[in-house]
């Protein structure tokens, strides 16, 4: 059975509780999806027609969310995240003296990124165009003097510490106004 047909106008987002569906675009299979997956949100978010067709492969149990409810959920989620980011920024000593409006504008542009243990965040010599603030965990800072030698440990950074400040060079606070 067809749940979403490519090109149709859509007003519902679906959350799959049980079952399996196939997603196709212009007749070409893109993927299959199972329980816990959300689909149909593009038509709601961007007010466009359905970008793919979704058909059931087995019996499915779906939850349908209408446009207004979905937008309310997204708005609340955004407000909750903004509040969490504000509280986090206020906990970082470097930012505690900044005015509330500046913190709010910083919270608007924060992007949460997760890294696995041992994963590199920035490599020595790479372009530094991102400013990082550690919200959880620790980061080891190392320096590589020679490709043939092991990196030299410099220090460990933790919650509230930051690095990548060169990405902010040339910024002025009035850019946030």
N, C-alpha and C. Protein backbone atom coordinates (compact mmCIF):
# COMPACT_ATOMS: atom_id res chain seq x y z
N UNK A 1 0.84 -1.19 0.00
CA UNK A 1 0.00 0.00 0.00
C UNK A 1 0.88 1.25 0.00
N UNK A 2 0.43 2.29 -0.68
CA UNK A 2 1.20 3.53 -0.82
C UNK A 2 0.82 4.52 0.28
N UNK A 3 1.81 4.95 1.06
CA UNK A 3 1.58 5.91 2.14
C UNK A 3 1.76 7.33 1.61
N UNK A 4 2.84 7.55 0.87
CA UNK A 4 3.15 8.85 0.29
C UNK A 4 3.45 8.64 -1.19
N UNK A 5 2.89 9.50 -2.03
CA UNK A 5 3.15 9.42 -3.47
C UNK A 5 3.93 10.65 -3.90
N UNK A 6 5.06 10.42 -4.54
CA UNK A 6 5.92 11.49 -5.05
C UNK A 6 5.09 12.47 -5.89
N UNK A 7 5.26 13.78 -5.60
CA UNK A 7 4.56 14.81 -6.35
C UNK A 7 3.26 15.27 -5.71
N UNK A 8 2.71 14.48 -4.78
CA UNK A 8 1.47 14.88 -4.10
C UNK A 8 1.75 15.98 -3.09
N UNK A 9 0.69 16.71 -2.73
CA UNK A 9 0.77 17.71 -1.66
C UNK A 9 0.68 16.95 -0.35
N UNK A 10 1.52 17.30 0.61
CA UNK A 10 1.53 16.58 1.88
C UNK A 10 1.21 17.47 3.06
N UNK A 11 0.45 16.92 4.01
CA UNK A 11 0.13 17.69 5.21
C UNK A 11 0.40 16.88 6.48
N UNK A 12 0.97 15.69 6.33
CA UNK A 12 1.24 14.84 7.48
C UNK A 12 2.69 14.37 7.50
N UNK A 13 3.22 14.23 8.71
CA UNK A 13 4.52 13.62 8.96
C UNK A 13 4.22 12.28 9.61
N UNK A 14 4.99 11.26 9.30
CA UNK A 14 4.73 9.93 9.84
C UNK A 14 5.89 9.46 10.70
N UNK A 15 5.53 8.80 11.82
CA UNK A 15 6.50 8.14 12.68
C UNK A 15 6.12 6.66 12.67
N UNK A 16 7.07 5.81 12.30
CA UNK A 16 6.78 4.39 12.19
C UNK A 16 7.05 3.67 13.51
N UNK A 17 6.00 3.06 14.03
CA UNK A 17 6.14 2.29 15.26
C UNK A 17 6.54 0.84 14.96
N UNK A 18 5.96 0.32 13.87
CA UNK A 18 6.22 -1.08 13.55
C UNK A 18 6.12 -1.28 12.04
N UNK A 19 6.90 -2.21 11.50
CA UNK A 19 6.80 -2.54 10.09
C UNK A 19 8.03 -2.14 9.29
N UNK A 20 7.84 -2.11 7.96
CA UNK A 20 8.95 -1.79 7.06
C UNK A 20 8.38 -1.16 5.80
N UNK A 21 9.03 -0.08 5.33
CA UNK A 21 8.60 0.61 4.11
C UNK A 21 9.77 0.75 3.16
N UNK A 22 9.43 0.97 1.89
CA UNK A 22 10.44 1.20 0.86
C UNK A 22 10.26 2.62 0.33
N UNK A 23 11.37 3.34 0.17
CA UNK A 23 11.34 4.71 -0.34
C UNK A 23 11.92 4.70 -1.75
N UNK A 24 11.15 5.27 -2.71
CA UNK A 24 11.63 5.37 -4.09
C UNK A 24 11.48 6.80 -4.59
N UNK A 25 12.34 7.17 -5.52
CA UNK A 25 12.26 8.48 -6.18
C UNK A 25 12.39 8.23 -7.67
N UNK A 26 11.39 8.69 -8.42
CA UNK A 26 11.34 8.47 -9.87
C UNK A 26 11.54 6.99 -10.20
N UNK A 27 10.93 6.13 -9.37
CA UNK A 27 10.98 4.69 -9.60
C UNK A 27 12.24 3.99 -9.14
N UNK A 28 13.22 4.74 -8.64
CA UNK A 28 14.49 4.16 -8.19
C UNK A 28 14.47 4.01 -6.66
N UNK A 29 14.76 2.80 -6.19
CA UNK A 29 14.77 2.54 -4.75
C UNK A 29 15.89 3.33 -4.07
N UNK A 30 15.51 4.10 -3.04
CA UNK A 30 16.50 4.85 -2.26
C UNK A 30 16.91 4.09 -1.01
N UNK A 31 15.90 3.54 -0.29
CA UNK A 31 16.21 2.84 0.95
C UNK A 31 14.96 2.13 1.47
N UNK A 32 15.17 1.35 2.53
CA UNK A 32 14.04 0.81 3.29
C UNK A 32 14.18 1.37 4.70
N UNK A 33 13.05 1.51 5.38
CA UNK A 33 13.06 2.05 6.74
C UNK A 33 12.21 1.17 7.64
N UNK A 34 12.61 1.14 8.92
CA UNK A 34 11.91 0.34 9.91
C UNK A 34 11.44 1.18 11.07
N UNK A 35 11.07 0.52 12.17
CA UNK A 35 10.52 1.21 13.35
C UNK A 35 11.43 2.34 13.85
N UNK A 36 10.79 3.42 14.31
CA UNK A 36 11.50 4.57 14.86
C UNK A 36 11.83 5.63 13.83
N UNK A 37 11.63 5.33 12.56
CA UNK A 37 11.96 6.30 11.51
C UNK A 37 10.82 7.30 11.32
N UNK A 38 11.21 8.51 10.94
CA UNK A 38 10.27 9.59 10.65
C UNK A 38 10.38 9.90 9.16
N UNK A 39 9.25 10.08 8.49
CA UNK A 39 9.29 10.45 7.08
C UNK A 39 8.11 11.34 6.72
N UNK A 40 8.27 12.08 5.64
CA UNK A 40 7.23 12.99 5.19
C UNK A 40 7.40 14.41 5.69
N UNK A 41 8.49 14.67 6.41
CA UNK A 41 8.68 15.99 7.01
C UNK A 41 9.08 17.07 6.01
N UNK A 42 9.69 16.71 4.90
CA UNK A 42 10.14 17.73 3.94
C UNK A 42 8.99 18.56 3.41
N UNK A 43 7.86 17.91 3.08
CA UNK A 43 6.71 18.64 2.56
C UNK A 43 6.15 19.61 3.60
N UNK A 44 6.27 19.25 4.86
CA UNK A 44 5.78 20.10 5.95
C UNK A 44 6.76 21.25 6.20
N UNK A 45 8.04 20.94 6.28
CA UNK A 45 9.05 21.95 6.59
C UNK A 45 9.20 22.98 5.48
N UNK A 46 9.16 22.53 4.23
CA UNK A 46 9.47 23.42 3.11
C UNK A 46 8.27 23.74 2.23
N UNK A 47 7.08 23.30 2.66
CA UNK A 47 5.84 23.58 1.93
C UNK A 47 5.97 23.20 0.45
N UNK A 48 6.51 22.03 0.21
CA UNK A 48 6.71 21.55 -1.17
C UNK A 48 5.92 20.26 -1.36
N UNK A 49 5.87 19.78 -2.59
CA UNK A 49 5.21 18.49 -2.83
C UNK A 49 6.11 17.37 -2.33
N UNK A 50 5.53 16.20 -2.21
CA UNK A 50 6.28 15.03 -1.73
C UNK A 50 7.44 14.74 -2.67
N UNK A 51 8.62 14.52 -2.10
CA UNK A 51 9.83 14.34 -2.91
C UNK A 51 10.13 12.88 -3.22
N UNK A 52 9.37 11.96 -2.62
CA UNK A 52 9.59 10.53 -2.86
C UNK A 52 8.29 9.78 -2.60
N UNK A 53 8.27 8.53 -3.03
CA UNK A 53 7.14 7.64 -2.77
C UNK A 53 7.53 6.68 -1.66
N UNK A 54 6.60 6.44 -0.73
CA UNK A 54 6.83 5.51 0.38
C UNK A 54 5.73 4.46 0.33
N UNK A 55 6.15 3.19 0.19
CA UNK A 55 5.20 2.07 0.13
C UNK A 55 5.52 1.06 1.22
N UNK A 56 4.47 0.42 1.72
CA UNK A 56 4.67 -0.60 2.75
C UNK A 56 5.24 -1.87 2.13
N UNK A 57 6.11 -2.53 2.88
CA UNK A 57 6.65 -3.83 2.47
C UNK A 57 5.98 -4.95 3.28
N UNK A 58 5.56 -4.60 4.48
CA UNK A 58 4.82 -5.50 5.38
C UNK A 58 3.77 -4.64 6.07
N UNK A 59 2.97 -5.24 6.95
CA UNK A 59 2.02 -4.43 7.72
C UNK A 59 2.81 -3.43 8.56
N UNK A 60 2.33 -2.19 8.59
CA UNK A 60 3.02 -1.15 9.37
C UNK A 60 2.04 -0.49 10.33
N UNK A 61 2.61 0.02 11.42
CA UNK A 61 1.84 0.84 12.36
C UNK A 61 2.51 2.20 12.37
N UNK A 62 1.76 3.23 11.97
CA UNK A 62 2.29 4.59 11.86
C UNK A 62 1.55 5.54 12.78
N UNK A 63 2.23 6.56 13.20
CA UNK A 63 1.63 7.69 13.89
C UNK A 63 1.71 8.86 12.91
N UNK A 64 0.58 9.52 12.68
CA UNK A 64 0.54 10.66 11.76
C UNK A 64 0.45 11.95 12.56
N UNK A 65 1.28 12.92 12.20
CA UNK A 65 1.31 14.23 12.88
C UNK A 65 1.00 15.28 11.83
N UNK A 66 -0.01 16.12 12.11
CA UNK A 66 -0.36 17.15 11.12
C UNK A 66 0.62 18.31 11.17
N UNK A 67 0.55 19.16 10.14
CA UNK A 67 1.48 20.27 9.96
C UNK A 67 1.58 21.16 11.20
N UNK A 68 0.45 21.61 11.72
CA UNK A 68 0.46 22.55 12.85
C UNK A 68 1.08 21.91 14.09
N UNK A 69 0.72 20.67 14.36
CA UNK A 69 1.28 19.96 15.52
C UNK A 69 2.79 19.78 15.35
N UNK A 70 3.22 19.37 14.16
CA UNK A 70 4.64 19.17 13.88
C UNK A 70 5.42 20.47 14.06
N UNK A 71 4.87 21.58 13.53
CA UNK A 71 5.55 22.87 13.65
C UNK A 71 5.63 23.31 15.11
N UNK A 72 4.58 23.03 15.89
CA UNK A 72 4.60 23.36 17.32
C UNK A 72 5.68 22.55 18.03
N UNK A 73 5.76 21.26 17.71
CA UNK A 73 6.78 20.40 18.32
C UNK A 73 8.18 20.93 17.97
N UNK A 74 8.39 21.26 16.70
CA UNK A 74 9.70 21.75 16.27
C UNK A 74 10.04 23.07 16.94
N UNK A 75 9.04 23.96 17.08
CA UNK A 75 9.29 25.25 17.71
C UNK A 75 9.65 25.05 19.18
N UNK A 76 8.89 24.21 19.88
CA UNK A 76 9.18 23.95 21.30
C UNK A 76 10.56 23.31 21.46
N UNK A 77 10.87 22.37 20.59
CA UNK A 77 12.18 21.72 20.64
C UNK A 77 13.28 22.76 20.47
N UNK A 78 13.09 23.67 19.51
CA UNK A 78 14.06 24.74 19.28
C UNK A 78 14.21 25.65 20.48
N UNK A 79 13.08 25.99 21.12
CA UNK A 79 13.12 26.86 22.31
C UNK A 79 13.80 26.15 23.47
N UNK A 80 13.53 24.87 23.63
CA UNK A 80 14.17 24.10 24.70
C UNK A 80 15.68 24.05 24.47
N UNK A 81 16.10 23.76 23.23
CA UNK A 81 17.53 23.72 22.90
C UNK A 81 18.17 25.08 23.17
N UNK A 82 17.49 26.16 22.76
CA UNK A 82 18.02 27.51 22.96
C UNK A 82 18.24 27.77 24.45
N UNK A 83 17.27 27.38 25.28
CA UNK A 83 17.38 27.56 26.73
C UNK A 83 18.56 26.74 27.27
N UNK A 84 18.70 25.50 26.80
CA UNK A 84 19.83 24.67 27.23
C UNK A 84 21.16 25.31 26.84
N UNK A 85 21.25 25.83 25.63
CA UNK A 85 22.48 26.48 25.17
C UNK A 85 22.78 27.73 25.99
N UNK A 86 21.74 28.50 26.33
CA UNK A 86 21.94 29.71 27.15
C UNK A 86 22.51 29.32 28.51
N UNK A 87 21.92 28.31 29.14
CA UNK A 87 22.40 27.87 30.45
C UNK A 87 23.84 27.39 30.36
N UNK A 88 24.16 26.66 29.31
CA UNK A 88 25.53 26.18 29.13
C UNK A 88 26.49 27.36 28.98
N UNK A 89 26.16 28.32 28.11
CA UNK A 89 27.04 29.48 27.89
C UNK A 89 27.26 30.26 29.18
N UNK A 90 26.20 30.38 29.99
CA UNK A 90 26.32 31.09 31.27
C UNK A 90 27.22 30.34 32.25
N UNK A 91 27.39 29.02 32.04
CA UNK A 91 28.24 28.23 32.94
C UNK A 91 29.72 28.31 32.55
N UNK A 92 30.01 28.86 31.37
CA UNK A 92 31.40 28.98 30.91
C UNK A 92 31.96 30.31 31.40
N UNK A 93 32.98 30.27 32.29
CA UNK A 93 33.50 31.51 32.87
C UNK A 93 33.82 32.60 31.84
N UNK A 94 34.36 32.24 30.71
CA UNK A 94 34.74 33.22 29.69
C UNK A 94 33.54 34.02 29.20
N UNK A 95 32.35 33.42 29.21
CA UNK A 95 31.17 34.08 28.65
C UNK A 95 30.26 34.69 29.71
N UNK A 96 30.55 34.48 30.99
CA UNK A 96 29.64 34.92 32.05
C UNK A 96 29.43 36.42 32.09
N UNK A 97 30.40 37.19 31.65
CA UNK A 97 30.26 38.65 31.72
C UNK A 97 29.58 39.23 30.48
N UNK A 98 29.27 38.40 29.49
CA UNK A 98 28.62 38.91 28.27
C UNK A 98 27.16 39.24 28.54
N UNK A 99 26.65 40.28 27.87
CA UNK A 99 25.24 40.63 28.03
C UNK A 99 24.33 39.50 27.54
N UNK A 100 23.14 39.43 28.14
CA UNK A 100 22.15 38.39 27.81
C UNK A 100 21.86 38.34 26.30
N UNK A 101 21.75 39.50 25.67
CA UNK A 101 21.41 39.52 24.24
C UNK A 101 22.51 38.91 23.39
N UNK A 102 23.77 39.11 23.79
CA UNK A 102 24.89 38.51 23.05
C UNK A 102 24.87 36.99 23.26
N UNK A 103 24.64 36.56 24.51
CA UNK A 103 24.57 35.12 24.79
C UNK A 103 23.44 34.48 23.98
N UNK A 104 22.32 35.17 23.87
CA UNK A 104 21.18 34.65 23.12
C UNK A 104 21.53 34.49 21.64
N UNK A 105 22.24 35.46 21.10
CA UNK A 105 22.63 35.39 19.69
C UNK A 105 23.67 34.29 19.47
N UNK A 106 24.55 34.10 20.45
CA UNK A 106 25.50 32.98 20.36
C UNK A 106 24.75 31.65 20.41
N UNK A 107 23.77 31.56 21.32
CA UNK A 107 22.98 30.33 21.44
C UNK A 107 22.25 30.01 20.13
N UNK A 108 21.83 31.05 19.42
CA UNK A 108 21.14 30.86 18.14
C UNK A 108 22.02 30.18 17.10
N UNK A 109 23.33 30.43 17.15
CA UNK A 109 24.22 29.89 16.12
C UNK A 109 25.05 28.68 16.58
N UNK A 110 24.86 28.27 17.84
CA UNK A 110 25.57 27.08 18.31
C UNK A 110 25.08 25.85 17.57
N UNK A 111 25.99 24.96 17.32
CA UNK A 111 25.65 23.70 16.66
C UNK A 111 26.29 22.58 17.46
N UNK A 112 25.48 21.66 17.94
CA UNK A 112 25.97 20.56 18.76
C UNK A 112 26.57 19.48 17.87
N UNK A 113 27.79 19.07 18.20
CA UNK A 113 28.46 18.01 17.44
C UNK A 113 29.02 17.00 18.43
N UNK A 114 28.89 15.72 18.10
CA UNK A 114 29.39 14.66 18.97
C UNK A 114 30.59 13.99 18.32
N UNK A 115 31.57 13.64 19.14
CA UNK A 115 32.76 12.95 18.67
C UNK A 115 32.96 11.68 19.49
N UNK A 116 33.41 10.64 18.82
CA UNK A 116 33.70 9.37 19.50
C UNK A 116 35.06 9.47 20.19
N UNK A 117 35.26 8.62 21.20
CA UNK A 117 36.54 8.56 21.90
C UNK A 117 37.65 8.26 20.90
N UNK A 118 38.72 9.07 20.92
CA UNK A 118 39.86 8.86 20.04
C UNK A 118 39.74 9.52 18.68
N UNK A 119 38.58 10.07 18.38
CA UNK A 119 38.36 10.72 17.07
C UNK A 119 39.02 12.09 17.06
N UNK A 120 39.61 12.46 15.92
CA UNK A 120 40.23 13.78 15.78
C UNK A 120 39.15 14.83 15.55
N UNK A 121 39.28 15.97 16.22
CA UNK A 121 38.36 17.09 16.03
C UNK A 121 38.97 18.05 15.03
N UNK A 122 40.24 18.41 15.27
CA UNK A 122 40.99 19.26 14.35
C UNK A 122 42.37 18.64 14.18
N UNK A 123 42.88 18.64 12.98
CA UNK A 123 44.23 18.15 12.71
C UNK A 123 45.17 19.33 12.60
N UNK A 124 46.36 19.18 13.14
CA UNK A 124 47.38 20.21 13.06
C UNK A 124 47.59 20.59 11.60
N UNK A 125 47.59 21.90 11.33
CA UNK A 125 47.82 22.39 9.98
C UNK A 125 46.54 22.59 9.17
N UNK A 126 45.42 22.05 9.66
CA UNK A 126 44.15 22.22 8.94
C UNK A 126 43.62 23.63 9.15
N UNK A 127 42.78 24.08 8.22
CA UNK A 127 42.19 25.41 8.33
C UNK A 127 41.29 25.46 9.56
N UNK A 128 41.51 26.41 10.43
CA UNK A 128 40.71 26.52 11.65
C UNK A 128 39.56 27.48 11.47
N UNK A 129 38.42 26.97 10.98
CA UNK A 129 37.30 27.86 10.74
C UNK A 129 36.12 27.59 11.68
N UNK A 130 36.38 26.84 12.76
CA UNK A 130 35.33 26.54 13.72
C UNK A 130 35.83 26.81 15.13
N UNK A 131 34.98 27.42 15.94
CA UNK A 131 35.26 27.69 17.35
C UNK A 131 34.51 26.62 18.16
N UNK A 132 35.21 25.92 19.04
CA UNK A 132 34.63 24.83 19.82
C UNK A 132 34.58 25.19 21.29
N UNK A 133 33.47 24.82 21.94
CA UNK A 133 33.33 24.92 23.40
C UNK A 133 32.96 23.52 23.86
N UNK A 134 33.71 22.98 24.80
CA UNK A 134 33.46 21.61 25.26
C UNK A 134 32.31 21.62 26.27
N UNK A 135 31.26 20.86 25.97
CA UNK A 135 30.12 20.79 26.89
C UNK A 135 30.13 19.51 27.72
N UNK A 136 30.83 18.49 27.24
CA UNK A 136 30.88 17.22 27.96
C UNK A 136 32.12 16.45 27.52
N UNK A 137 32.75 15.78 28.47
CA UNK A 137 33.92 14.97 28.15
C UNK A 137 35.22 15.76 28.20
N UNK A 138 36.27 15.15 27.69
CA UNK A 138 37.59 15.80 27.67
C UNK A 138 38.20 15.67 26.28
N UNK A 139 39.11 16.59 25.99
CA UNK A 139 39.80 16.63 24.71
C UNK A 139 41.30 16.71 24.98
N UNK A 140 42.07 15.85 24.35
CA UNK A 140 43.53 15.92 24.46
C UNK A 140 44.07 16.79 23.34
N UNK A 141 44.94 17.72 23.71
CA UNK A 141 45.60 18.59 22.73
C UNK A 141 47.02 18.05 22.54
N UNK A 142 47.37 17.79 21.29
CA UNK A 142 48.70 17.27 20.98
C UNK A 142 49.34 18.09 19.87
N UNK A 143 50.65 17.95 19.74
CA UNK A 143 51.39 18.63 18.67
C UNK A 143 52.27 17.58 17.99
N UNK A 144 52.29 17.63 16.68
CA UNK A 144 53.13 16.69 15.93
C UNK A 144 54.33 17.46 15.40
N UNK A 145 55.51 17.15 15.94
CA UNK A 145 56.73 17.83 15.50
C UNK A 145 57.27 17.24 14.21
N UNK A 146 57.03 15.94 14.02
CA UNK A 146 57.52 15.26 12.82
C UNK A 146 56.57 14.10 12.51
N UNK A 147 56.26 13.90 11.23
CA UNK A 147 55.35 12.81 10.86
C UNK A 147 55.85 11.43 11.30
N UNK A 148 57.15 11.30 11.49
CA UNK A 148 57.71 9.99 11.86
C UNK A 148 57.69 9.76 13.38
N UNK A 149 57.35 10.81 14.15
CA UNK A 149 57.33 10.69 15.61
C UNK A 149 55.89 10.69 16.12
N UNK A 150 55.72 10.14 17.32
CA UNK A 150 54.40 10.19 17.96
C UNK A 150 54.08 11.63 18.34
N UNK A 151 52.80 12.00 18.33
CA UNK A 151 52.42 13.35 18.74
C UNK A 151 52.81 13.61 20.19
N UNK A 152 53.14 14.87 20.50
CA UNK A 152 53.51 15.28 21.85
C UNK A 152 52.25 15.76 22.56
N UNK A 153 51.95 15.18 23.74
CA UNK A 153 50.80 15.59 24.53
C UNK A 153 51.05 16.97 25.13
N UNK A 154 50.12 17.91 24.96
CA UNK A 154 50.28 19.25 25.52
C UNK A 154 49.41 19.46 26.75
N UNK A 155 48.11 19.12 26.65
CA UNK A 155 47.22 19.28 27.81
C UNK A 155 45.86 18.64 27.51
N UNK A 156 45.05 18.55 28.56
CA UNK A 156 43.68 18.04 28.43
C UNK A 156 42.73 19.19 28.71
N UNK A 157 41.72 19.33 27.87
CA UNK A 157 40.68 20.33 28.05
C UNK A 157 39.40 19.62 28.47
N UNK A 158 38.57 20.31 29.27
CA UNK A 158 37.32 19.72 29.74
C UNK A 158 36.15 20.67 29.59
N UNK A 159 35.04 20.32 30.24
CA UNK A 159 33.81 21.10 30.14
C UNK A 159 34.07 22.59 30.40
N UNK A 160 33.58 23.43 29.49
CA UNK A 160 33.73 24.88 29.62
C UNK A 160 34.98 25.42 28.95
N UNK A 161 35.94 24.54 28.66
CA UNK A 161 37.14 24.98 27.94
C UNK A 161 36.79 25.15 26.46
N UNK A 162 37.60 25.93 25.76
CA UNK A 162 37.34 26.19 24.35
C UNK A 162 38.63 26.22 23.57
N UNK A 163 38.49 26.04 22.26
CA UNK A 163 39.64 26.11 21.36
C UNK A 163 39.13 26.46 19.97
N UNK A 164 40.06 26.82 19.09
CA UNK A 164 39.68 27.22 17.73
C UNK A 164 39.32 28.69 17.65
N UNK A 165 39.84 29.47 18.59
CA UNK A 165 39.49 30.90 18.64
C UNK A 165 39.96 31.68 17.43
N UNK A 166 40.90 31.14 16.67
CA UNK A 166 41.34 31.84 15.44
C UNK A 166 40.18 31.99 14.47
N UNK A 167 39.19 31.11 14.57
CA UNK A 167 38.00 31.21 13.71
C UNK A 167 37.23 32.49 13.98
N UNK A 168 37.43 33.06 15.17
CA UNK A 168 36.70 34.28 15.54
C UNK A 168 37.47 35.55 15.25
N UNK A 169 38.73 35.44 14.83
CA UNK A 169 39.52 36.64 14.57
C UNK A 169 38.85 37.50 13.51
N UNK A 170 38.78 38.78 13.81
CA UNK A 170 38.15 39.71 12.87
C UNK A 170 36.67 39.92 13.17
N UNK A 171 36.10 39.08 14.06
CA UNK A 171 34.70 39.27 14.43
C UNK A 171 34.60 40.42 15.41
N UNK A 172 33.52 41.13 15.38
CA UNK A 172 33.22 42.12 16.41
C UNK A 172 31.82 41.80 16.91
N UNK A 173 31.55 42.19 18.14
CA UNK A 173 30.24 41.86 18.72
C UNK A 173 29.10 42.49 17.95
N UNK A 174 29.36 43.62 17.25
CA UNK A 174 28.25 44.24 16.52
C UNK A 174 27.80 43.40 15.33
N UNK A 175 28.56 42.38 14.95
CA UNK A 175 28.11 41.47 13.89
C UNK A 175 26.88 40.70 14.33
N UNK A 176 26.68 40.59 15.65
CA UNK A 176 25.54 39.85 16.16
C UNK A 176 24.29 40.73 16.25
N UNK A 177 24.41 41.99 15.94
CA UNK A 177 23.26 42.90 16.07
C UNK A 177 22.38 42.85 14.85
